[in-house]
Amino acid sequence: MYKPFDLSGRTAVITGGNGGIGMGMAKALLQSGAQVAIWGNRAEKTEKAREELSALGKVHAFVCDVGDEAAVDRTFAQSVEALGGRVDACFANAGVSSKGPTPIHQMAAEEFRRVMRINVEGVFYTFRAAARHMIDGGHGGSLVATASTAAIEGAARNSHYGASKGAVTSYCRALAVELARHQIRVNSILPGWIVTEMTERSVGDDRFASAVMPRIPARRWGTMDDFGGVAVYLASDAAAYTTGEQFVIDGGYTKF
């Protein structure tokens, strides 16, 4: 019987797993049989997410600032212990957006660095910890980063965000080649306009919606549930020969 999507006995770490896309991934992974550790940078929100997710399976929760190198190494080690000594899949999903439309000639260096610290350095710290664990264990695994369609289109007045996500996709391609010999697969997911806490101001604006919605062939905003399937696929044996790829999930936005 073909059961490649059965994740029973598998484990996963999801940064930014306390809401939005990360929580959608966590739900699907748990429902497919995996044990999950979610990370978030806000204790109350993270605990609330753990309580909700616990109805679906075994879930652990940790508070971590992914831009803090020592905190990532410490939290990953704690996650490995909680998950029984092994992490099979690691989703570097935590990210921040810009604070609003910012033309390049008005952008402060500290704003550029704030976005890079989480969106680029955070992925680096997370994947480095996961790769060390998977290489040392000799069991391979799956690394998945959440990028954005801003990585492949011109993100005007949001250039630092676009640059950070473009960096993530390039990083994943490089690691896919480097880590294949260790049976570690590395892929990225590029969401379009998804309803999350990060985007609620934009998608809730009538003027913005009237300009963007006609460009989405699916004629709706994406939701967290739209990312469960790809998360399960990339964590499963069905994706055993899939690495270095970009999975665009945007309702056709970038094709129209």
C-alpha atoms as a PDB file:
ATOM      1  CA  MET A   1       0.000   0.000   0.000  1.00  0.00           C
ATOM      2  CA  TYR A   2       1.352   3.426  -0.973  1.00  0.00           C
ATOM      3  CA  LYS A   3       1.740   5.503   2.184  1.00  0.00           C
ATOM      4  CA  PRO A   4       4.566   7.971   1.553  1.00  0.00           C
ATOM      5  CA  PHE A   5       2.755  10.770   3.365  1.00  0.00           C
ATOM      6  CA  ASP A   6       2.469   8.833   6.621  1.00  0.00           C
ATOM      7  CA  LEU A   7       4.777  10.682   9.015  1.00  0.00           C
ATOM      8  CA  SER A   8       4.316   8.367  11.982  1.00  0.00           C
ATOM      9  CA  GLY A   9       7.552   8.257  13.953  1.00  0.00           C
ATOM     10  CA  ARG A  10       8.918  11.378  12.215  1.00  0.00           C
ATOM     11  CA  THR A  11       9.807  14.635  13.932  1.00  0.00           C
ATOM     12  CA  ALA A  12       9.910  18.263  12.840  1.00  0.00           C
ATOM     13  CA  VAL A  13      10.997  21.673  14.084  1.00  0.00           C
ATOM     14  CA  ILE A  14       9.087  24.720  12.838  1.00  0.00           C
ATOM     15  CA  THR A  15      10.331  28.225  13.599  1.00  0.00           C
ATOM     16  CA  GLY A  16       7.527  30.743  13.654  1.00  0.00           C
ATOM     17  CA  GLY A  17       5.224  27.797  14.251  1.00  0.00           C
ATOM     18  CA  ASN A  18       3.016  29.702  16.663  1.00  0.00           C
ATOM     19  CA  GLY A  19       0.894  31.359  13.968  1.00  0.00           C
ATOM     20  CA  GLY A  20       0.220  31.928  10.300  1.00  0.00           C
ATOM     21  CA  ILE A  21       1.921  29.723   7.732  1.00  0.00           C
ATOM     22  CA  GLY A  22       4.039  27.958  10.355  1.00  0.00           C
ATOM     23  CA  MET A  23       1.007  26.940  12.348  1.00  0.00           C
ATOM     24  CA  GLY A  24      -0.693  25.679   9.196  1.00  0.00           C
ATOM     25  CA  MET A  25       2.360  23.509   8.584  1.00  0.00           C
ATOM     26  CA  ALA A  26       2.355  22.264  12.168  1.00  0.00           C
ATOM     27  CA  LYS A  27      -1.308  21.257  11.983  1.00  0.00           C
ATOM     28  CA  ALA A  28      -0.809  19.189   8.846  1.00  0.00           C
ATOM     29  CA  LEU A  29       2.373  17.535  10.092  1.00  0.00           C
ATOM     30  CA  LEU A  30       0.698  16.542  13.353  1.00  0.00           C
ATOM     31  CA  GLN A  31      -2.354  15.196  11.537  1.00  0.00           C
ATOM     32  CA  SER A  32      -0.020  13.109   9.365  1.00  0.00           C
ATOM     33  CA  GLY A  33       1.512  11.501  12.443  1.00  0.00           C
ATOM     34  CA  ALA A  34       4.623  13.583  13.089  1.00  0.00           C
ATOM     35  CA  GLN A  35       5.771  14.895  16.444  1.00  0.00           C
ATOM     36  CA  VAL A  36       6.457  18.622  16.270  1.00  0.00           C
ATOM     37  CA  ALA A  37       8.399  21.338  18.085  1.00  0.00           C
ATOM     38  CA  ILE A  38       7.229  24.881  17.388  1.00  0.00           C
ATOM     39  CA  TRP A  39       9.299  27.991  18.070  1.00  0.00           C
ATOM     40  CA  GLY A  40       8.048  31.525  18.578  1.00  0.00           C
ATOM     41  CA  ASN A  41       9.486  34.747  19.938  1.00  0.00           C
ATOM     42  CA  ARG A  42       6.462  35.588  22.108  1.00  0.00           C
ATOM     43  CA  ALA A  43       5.854  33.307  25.066  1.00  0.00           C
ATOM     44  CA  GLU A  44       2.114  33.828  25.477  1.00  0.00           C
ATOM     45  CA  LYS A  45       1.344  33.379  21.777  1.00  0.00           C
ATOM     46  CA  THR A  46       3.573  30.317  21.561  1.00  0.00           C
ATOM     47  CA  GLU A  47       1.952  28.627  24.545  1.00  0.00           C
ATOM     48  CA  LYS A  48      -1.506  29.370  23.192  1.00  0.00           C
ATOM     49  CA  ALA A  49      -0.526  27.766  19.892  1.00  0.00           C
ATOM     50  CA  ARG A  50       0.844  24.704  21.682  1.00  0.00           C
ATOM     51  CA  GLU A  51      -2.427  24.268  23.541  1.00  0.00           C
ATOM     52  CA  GLU A  52      -4.427  24.459  20.317  1.00  0.00           C
ATOM     53  CA  LEU A  53      -2.119  22.126  18.405  1.00  0.00           C
ATOM     54  CA  SER A  54      -1.957  19.554  21.218  1.00  0.00           C
ATOM     55  CA  ALA A  55      -5.441  18.375  20.234  1.00  0.00           C
ATOM     56  CA  LEU A  56      -3.908  17.075  16.993  1.00  0.00           C
ATOM     57  CA  GLY A  57      -0.839  15.275  18.322  1.00  0.00           C
ATOM     58  CA  LYS A  58       2.336  15.561  20.343  1.00  0.00           C
ATOM     59  CA  VAL A  59       3.731  19.085  20.205  1.00  0.00           C
ATOM     60  CA  HIS A  60       6.428  20.937  22.125  1.00  0.00           C
ATOM     61  CA  ALA A  61       6.861  24.701  22.290  1.00  0.00           C
ATOM     62  CA  PHE A  62       9.945  26.870  22.744  1.00  0.00           C
ATOM     63  CA  VAL A  63      10.522  30.609  22.902  1.00  0.00           C
ATOM     64  CA  CYS A  64      13.405  31.668  20.680  1.00  0.00           C
ATOM     65  CA  ASP A  65      14.655  34.751  18.856  1.00  0.00           C
ATOM     66  CA  VAL A  66      16.015  33.216  15.662  1.00  0.00           C
ATOM     67  CA  GLY A  67      18.266  36.230  15.129  1.00  0.00           C
ATOM     68  CA  ASP A  68      20.195  35.284  18.275  1.00  0.00           C
ATOM     69  CA  GLU A  69      22.869  32.739  17.358  1.00  0.00           C
ATOM     70  CA  ALA A  70      23.319  31.297  20.857  1.00  0.00           C
ATOM     71  CA  ALA A  71      19.564  31.107  21.413  1.00  0.00           C
ATOM     72  CA  VAL A  72      19.065  29.115  18.198  1.00  0.00           C
ATOM     73  CA  ASP A  73      21.778  26.602  19.075  1.00  0.00           C
ATOM     74  CA  ARG A  74      20.396  26.230  22.586  1.00  0.00           C
ATOM     75  CA  THR A  75      16.773  25.881  21.474  1.00  0.00           C
ATOM     76  CA  PHE A  76      17.600  23.411  18.735  1.00  0.00           C
ATOM     77  CA  ALA A  77      19.398  21.214  21.278  1.00  0.00           C
ATOM     78  CA  GLN A  78      16.371  21.432  23.565  1.00  0.00           C
ATOM     79  CA  SER A  79      14.111  20.513  20.666  1.00  0.00           C
ATOM     80  CA  VAL A  80      16.214  17.479  19.787  1.00  0.00           C
ATOM     81  CA  GLU A  81      15.935  16.274  23.378  1.00  0.00           C
ATOM     82  CA  ALA A  82      12.172  16.861  23.518  1.00  0.00           C
ATOM     83  CA  LEU A  83      11.664  15.054  20.213  1.00  0.00           C
ATOM     84  CA  GLY A  84      13.450  11.938  21.411  1.00  0.00           C
ATOM     85  CA  GLY A  85      16.932  12.622  20.086  1.00  0.00           C
ATOM     86  CA  ARG A  86      16.230  13.170  16.408  1.00  0.00           C
ATOM     87  CA  VAL A  87      14.917  15.864  14.054  1.00  0.00           C
ATOM     88  CA  ASP A  88      13.883  14.645  10.606  1.00  0.00           C
ATOM     89  CA  ALA A  89      12.623  17.923   9.142  1.00  0.00           C
ATOM     90  CA  CYS A  90      13.366  21.540   9.956  1.00  0.00           C
ATOM     91  CA  PHE A  91      11.199  24.380   8.662  1.00  0.00           C
ATOM     92  CA  ALA A  92      12.884  27.798   8.905  1.00  0.00           C
ATOM     93  CA  ASN A  93       9.658  29.745   8.694  1.00  0.00           C
ATOM     94  CA  ALA A  94      10.128  32.653  11.125  1.00  0.00           C
ATOM     95  CA  GLY A  95      10.334  36.030   9.442  1.00  0.00           C
ATOM     96  CA  VAL A  96       9.567  39.719   9.683  1.00  0.00           C
ATOM     97  CA  SER A  97       8.170  42.161   7.150  1.00  0.00           C
ATOM     98  CA  SER A  98       8.969  45.792   6.545  1.00  0.00           C
ATOM     99  CA  LYS A  99       7.355  48.381   8.796  1.00  0.00           C
ATOM    100  CA  GLY A 100       5.632  49.932   5.804  1.00  0.00           C
ATOM    101  CA  PRO A 101       6.444  51.105   2.262  1.00  0.00           C
ATOM    102  CA  THR A 102      10.011  52.432   2.437  1.00  0.00           C
ATOM    103  CA  PRO A 103      11.684  53.994  -0.622  1.00  0.00           C
ATOM    104  CA  ILE A 104      15.378  53.159  -0.832  1.00  0.00           C
ATOM    105  CA  HIS A 105      16.427  56.801  -0.470  1.00  0.00           C
ATOM    106  CA  GLN A 106      14.584  56.999   2.856  1.00  0.00           C
ATOM    107  CA  MET A 107      15.601  53.613   4.266  1.00  0.00           C
ATOM    108  CA  ALA A 108      17.697  53.608   7.424  1.00  0.00           C
ATOM    109  CA  ALA A 109      20.513  51.094   7.690  1.00  0.00           C
ATOM    110  CA  GLU A 110      19.087  49.805  10.952  1.00  0.00           C
ATOM    111  CA  GLU A 111      15.772  48.976   9.221  1.00  0.00           C
ATOM    112  CA  PHE A 112      17.634  47.042   6.521  1.00  0.00           C
ATOM    113  CA  ARG A 113      19.602  45.155   9.174  1.00  0.00           C
ATOM    114  CA  ARG A 114      16.468  44.415  11.236  1.00  0.00           C
ATOM    115  CA  VAL A 115      14.919  42.516   8.319  1.00  0.00           C
ATOM    116  CA  MET A 116      18.160  40.752   7.393  1.00  0.00           C
ATOM    117  CA  ARG A 117      18.786  39.692  10.992  1.00  0.00           C
ATOM    118  CA  ILE A 118      15.659  37.541  11.139  1.00  0.00           C
ATOM    119  CA  ASN A 119      14.980  36.666   7.513  1.00  0.00           C
ATOM    120  CA  VAL A 120      18.528  35.776   6.494  1.00  0.00           C
ATOM    121  CA  GLU A 121      20.662  35.277   9.602  1.00  0.00           C
ATOM    122  CA  GLY A 122      17.795  33.466  11.317  1.00  0.00           C
ATOM    123  CA  VAL A 123      17.593  30.927   8.480  1.00  0.00           C
ATOM    124  CA  PHE A 124      21.369  30.515   8.538  1.00  0.00           C
ATOM    125  CA  TYR A 125      21.499  29.828  12.287  1.00  0.00           C
ATOM    126  CA  THR A 126      18.519  27.462  12.125  1.00  0.00           C
ATOM    127  CA  PHE A 127      19.746  25.462   9.140  1.00  0.00           C
ATOM    128  CA  ARG A 128      23.294  25.300  10.467  1.00  0.00           C
ATOM    129  CA  ALA A 129      22.062  23.752  13.723  1.00  0.00           C
ATOM    130  CA  ALA A 130      19.816  21.327  11.840  1.00  0.00           C
ATOM    131  CA  ALA A 131      22.507  20.367   9.329  1.00  0.00           C
ATOM    132  CA  ARG A 132      25.018  19.656  12.089  1.00  0.00           C
ATOM    133  CA  HIS A 133      22.490  17.403  13.799  1.00  0.00           C
ATOM    134  CA  MET A 134      21.533  15.559  10.605  1.00  0.00           C
ATOM    135  CA  ILE A 135      25.119  15.108   9.406  1.00  0.00           C
ATOM    136  CA  ASP A 136      26.336  13.922  12.802  1.00  0.00           C
ATOM    137  CA  GLY A 137      23.398  11.528  13.081  1.00  0.00           C
ATOM    138  CA  GLY A 138      23.926  10.184   9.587  1.00  0.00           C
ATOM    139  CA  HIS A 139      20.201   9.915   9.000  1.00  0.00           C
ATOM    140  CA  GLY A 140      19.655  12.715   6.487  1.00  0.00           C
ATOM    141  CA  GLY A 141      16.581  14.883   6.574  1.00  0.00           C
ATOM    142  CA  SER A 142      14.669  17.756   5.056  1.00  0.00           C
ATOM    143  CA  LEU A 143      15.345  21.491   5.388  1.00  0.00           C
ATOM    144  CA  VAL A 144      12.647  23.891   4.205  1.00  0.00           C
ATOM    145  CA  ALA A 145      12.750  27.692   4.265  1.00  0.00           C
ATOM    146  CA  THR A 146       9.797  30.024   3.870  1.00  0.00           C
ATOM    147  CA  ALA A 147      10.763  32.725   1.392  1.00  0.00           C
ATOM    148  CA  SER A 148       8.242  34.866  -0.540  1.00  0.00           C
ATOM    149  CA  THR A 149       7.176  35.730  -4.054  1.00  0.00           C
ATOM    150  CA  ALA A 150       8.995  39.004  -3.278  1.00  0.00           C
ATOM    151  CA  ALA A 151      12.131  36.961  -4.030  1.00  0.00           C
ATOM    152  CA  ILE A 152      11.208  36.672  -7.709  1.00  0.00           C
ATOM    153  CA  GLU A 153       9.349  39.900  -8.442  1.00  0.00           C
ATOM    154  CA  GLY A 154      10.178  43.557  -8.017  1.00  0.00           C
ATOM    155  CA  ALA A 155       9.189  44.430  -4.454  1.00  0.00           C
ATOM    156  CA  ALA A 156       9.114  48.216  -4.882  1.00  0.00           C
ATOM    157  CA  ARG A 157       9.479  50.192  -1.640  1.00  0.00           C
ATOM    158  CA  ASN A 158      10.050  46.856   0.056  1.00  0.00           C
ATOM    159  CA  SER A 159      13.493  46.168  -1.366  1.00  0.00           C
ATOM    160  CA  HIS A 160      15.072  44.977   1.871  1.00  0.00           C
ATOM    161  CA  TYR A 161      12.352  42.359   2.331  1.00  0.00           C
ATOM    162  CA  GLY A 162      12.680  41.233  -1.283  1.00  0.00           C
ATOM    163  CA  ALA A 163      16.456  41.072  -0.924  1.00  0.00           C
ATOM    164  CA  SER A 164      16.177  38.969   2.221  1.00  0.00           C
ATOM    165  CA  LYS A 165      13.859  36.452   0.595  1.00  0.00           C
ATOM    166  CA  GLY A 166      15.942  36.321  -2.573  1.00  0.00           C
ATOM    167  CA  ALA A 167      18.926  35.510  -0.388  1.00  0.00           C
ATOM    168  CA  VAL A 168      16.983  32.657   1.219  1.00  0.00           C
ATOM    169  CA  THR A 169      16.158  31.026  -2.118  1.00  0.00           C
ATOM    170  CA  SER A 170      19.793  31.257  -3.262  1.00  0.00           C
ATOM    171  CA  TYR A 171      20.960  29.887   0.075  1.00  0.00           C
ATOM    172  CA  CYS A 172      18.629  26.902  -0.250  1.00  0.00           C
ATOM    173  CA  ARG A 173      19.882  26.089  -3.759  1.00  0.00           C
ATOM    174  CA  ALA A 174      23.480  26.186  -2.563  1.00  0.00           C
ATOM    175  CA  LEU A 175      22.750  23.962   0.426  1.00  0.00           C
ATOM    176  CA  ALA A 176      20.789  21.540  -1.740  1.00  0.00           C
ATOM    177  CA  VAL A 177      23.939  20.858  -3.740  1.00  0.00           C
ATOM    178  CA  GLU A 178      26.251  20.868  -0.730  1.00  0.00           C
ATOM    179  CA  LEU A 179      24.174  18.618   1.517  1.00  0.00           C
ATOM    180  CA  ALA A 180      22.848  16.077  -0.990  1.00  0.00           C
ATOM    181  CA  ARG A 181      25.760  13.745  -0.225  1.00  0.00           C
ATOM    182  CA  HIS A 182      24.462  13.599   3.345  1.00  0.00           C
ATOM    183  CA  GLN A 183      20.935  12.689   2.164  1.00  0.00           C
ATOM    184  CA  ILE A 184      19.696  16.104   3.280  1.00  0.00           C
ATOM    185  CA  ARG A 185      17.193  17.790   0.991  1.00  0.00           C
ATOM    186  CA  VAL A 186      16.811  21.578   0.939  1.00  0.00           C
ATOM    187  CA  ASN A 187      13.884  23.432  -0.616  1.00  0.00           C
ATOM    188  CA  SER A 188      12.099  26.754  -0.304  1.00  0.00           C
ATOM    189  CA  ILE A 189       8.449  27.798  -0.281  1.00  0.00           C
ATOM    190  CA  LEU A 190       7.411  31.123  -1.817  1.00  0.00           C
ATOM    191  CA  PRO A 191       4.018  32.292  -0.516  1.00  0.00           C
ATOM    192  CA  GLY A 192       2.023  34.972  -2.270  1.00  0.00           C
ATOM    193  CA  TRP A 193      -0.564  37.089  -0.451  1.00  0.00           C
ATOM    194  CA  ILE A 194      -1.548  35.058   2.592  1.00  0.00           C
ATOM    195  CA  VAL A 195      -3.789  36.140   5.467  1.00  0.00           C
ATOM    196  CA  THR A 196      -1.550  36.197   8.541  1.00  0.00           C
ATOM    197  CA  GLU A 197      -0.818  38.529  11.421  1.00  0.00           C
ATOM    198  CA  MET A 198       2.021  39.948   9.304  1.00  0.00           C
ATOM    199  CA  THR A 199      -0.211  40.846   6.353  1.00  0.00           C
ATOM    200  CA  GLU A 200      -3.507  41.711   8.053  1.00  0.00           C
ATOM    201  CA  ARG A 201      -2.977  45.456   7.640  1.00  0.00           C
ATOM    202  CA  SER A 202      -2.454  45.111   3.881  1.00  0.00           C
ATOM    203  CA  VAL A 203      -5.140  42.558   3.011  1.00  0.00           C
ATOM    204  CA  GLY A 204      -7.613  44.368   5.236  1.00  0.00           C
ATOM    205  CA  ASP A 205      -7.166  47.624   3.335  1.00  0.00           C
ATOM    206  CA  ASP A 206      -9.907  48.093   0.733  1.00  0.00           C
ATOM    207  CA  ARG A 207      -7.713  50.123  -1.608  1.00  0.00           C
ATOM    208  CA  PHE A 208      -4.966  47.516  -1.492  1.00  0.00           C
ATOM    209  CA  ALA A 209      -7.413  44.648  -1.947  1.00  0.00           C
ATOM    210  CA  SER A 210      -9.068  46.286  -4.953  1.00  0.00           C
ATOM    211  CA  ALA A 211      -5.666  46.642  -6.626  1.00  0.00           C
ATOM    212  CA  VAL A 212      -4.248  43.197  -5.816  1.00  0.00           C
ATOM    213  CA  MET A 213      -7.206  40.800  -5.820  1.00  0.00           C
ATOM    214  CA  PRO A 214      -7.877  41.163  -9.586  1.00  0.00           C
ATOM    215  CA  ARG A 215      -4.280  39.981 -10.134  1.00  0.00           C
ATOM    216  CA  ILE A 216      -4.866  36.721  -8.255  1.00  0.00           C
ATOM    217  CA  PRO A 217      -6.412  34.150 -10.615  1.00  0.00           C
ATOM    218  CA  ALA A 218      -7.724  32.124  -7.658  1.00  0.00           C
ATOM    219  CA  ARG A 219      -9.638  35.267  -6.567  1.00  0.00           C
ATOM    220  CA  ARG A 220      -8.939  34.820  -2.881  1.00  0.00           C
ATOM    221  CA  TRP A 221      -6.218  35.399  -0.332  1.00  0.00           C
ATOM    222  CA  GLY A 222      -4.209  32.386   0.727  1.00  0.00           C
ATOM    223  CA  THR A 223      -4.606  30.923   4.219  1.00  0.00           C
ATOM    224  CA  MET A 224      -2.402  28.969   6.595  1.00  0.00           C
ATOM    225  CA  ASP A 225      -4.137  25.768   5.530  1.00  0.00           C
ATOM    226  CA  ASP A 226      -2.795  26.186   2.002  1.00  0.00           C
ATOM    227  CA  PHE A 227       0.679  25.257   3.278  1.00  0.00           C
ATOM    228  CA  GLY A 228      -0.082  22.006   5.054  1.00  0.00           C
ATOM    229  CA  GLY A 229       0.165  19.858   1.952  1.00  0.00           C
ATOM    230  CA  VAL A 230       3.546  21.112   0.797  1.00  0.00           C
ATOM    231  CA  ALA A 231       4.926  20.805   4.334  1.00  0.00           C
ATOM    232  CA  VAL A 232       3.843  17.169   4.596  1.00  0.00           C
ATOM    233  CA  TYR A 233       5.176  16.433   1.114  1.00  0.00           C
ATOM    234  CA  LEU A 234       8.609  17.923   1.802  1.00  0.00           C
ATOM    235  CA  ALA A 235       8.878  16.091   5.130  1.00  0.00           C
ATOM    236  CA  SER A 236       7.856  12.767   3.584  1.00  0.00           C
ATOM    237  CA  ASP A 237       9.424   9.990   1.543  1.00  0.00           C
ATOM    238  CA  ALA A 238       7.435  11.225  -1.454  1.00  0.00           C
ATOM    239  CA  ALA A 239       9.982  14.045  -1.749  1.00  0.00           C
ATOM    240  CA  ALA A 240      13.027  11.789  -1.495  1.00  0.00           C
ATOM    241  CA  TYR A 241      14.367  13.008  -4.872  1.00  0.00           C
ATOM    242  CA  THR A 242      13.220  16.614  -4.580  1.00  0.00           C
ATOM    243  CA  THR A 243      15.856  19.158  -3.633  1.00  0.00           C
ATOM    244  CA  GLY A 244      16.887  22.688  -4.571  1.00  0.00           C
ATOM    245  CA  GLU A 245      13.358  23.593  -5.675  1.00  0.00           C
ATOM    246  CA  GLN A 246      11.175  26.664  -5.145  1.00  0.00           C
ATOM    247  CA  PHE A 247       7.512  25.926  -4.438  1.00  0.00           C
ATOM    248  CA  VAL A 248       5.450  28.983  -5.364  1.00  0.00           C
ATOM    249  CA  ILE A 249       2.080  28.978  -3.607  1.00  0.00           C
ATOM    250  CA  ASP A 250       0.252  32.132  -4.599  1.00  0.00           C
ATOM    251  CA  GLY A 251      -3.032  31.281  -6.309  1.00  0.00           C
ATOM    252  CA  GLY A 252      -1.419  32.083  -9.649  1.00  0.00           C
ATOM    253  CA  TYR A 253      -0.435  35.640  -8.686  1.00  0.00           C
ATOM    254  CA  THR A 254       3.035  35.556 -10.236  1.00  0.00           C
ATOM    255  CA  LYS A 255       1.737  33.950 -13.425  1.00  0.00           C
ATOM    256  CA  PHE A 256      -0.800  36.645 -14.309  1.00  0.00           C
END
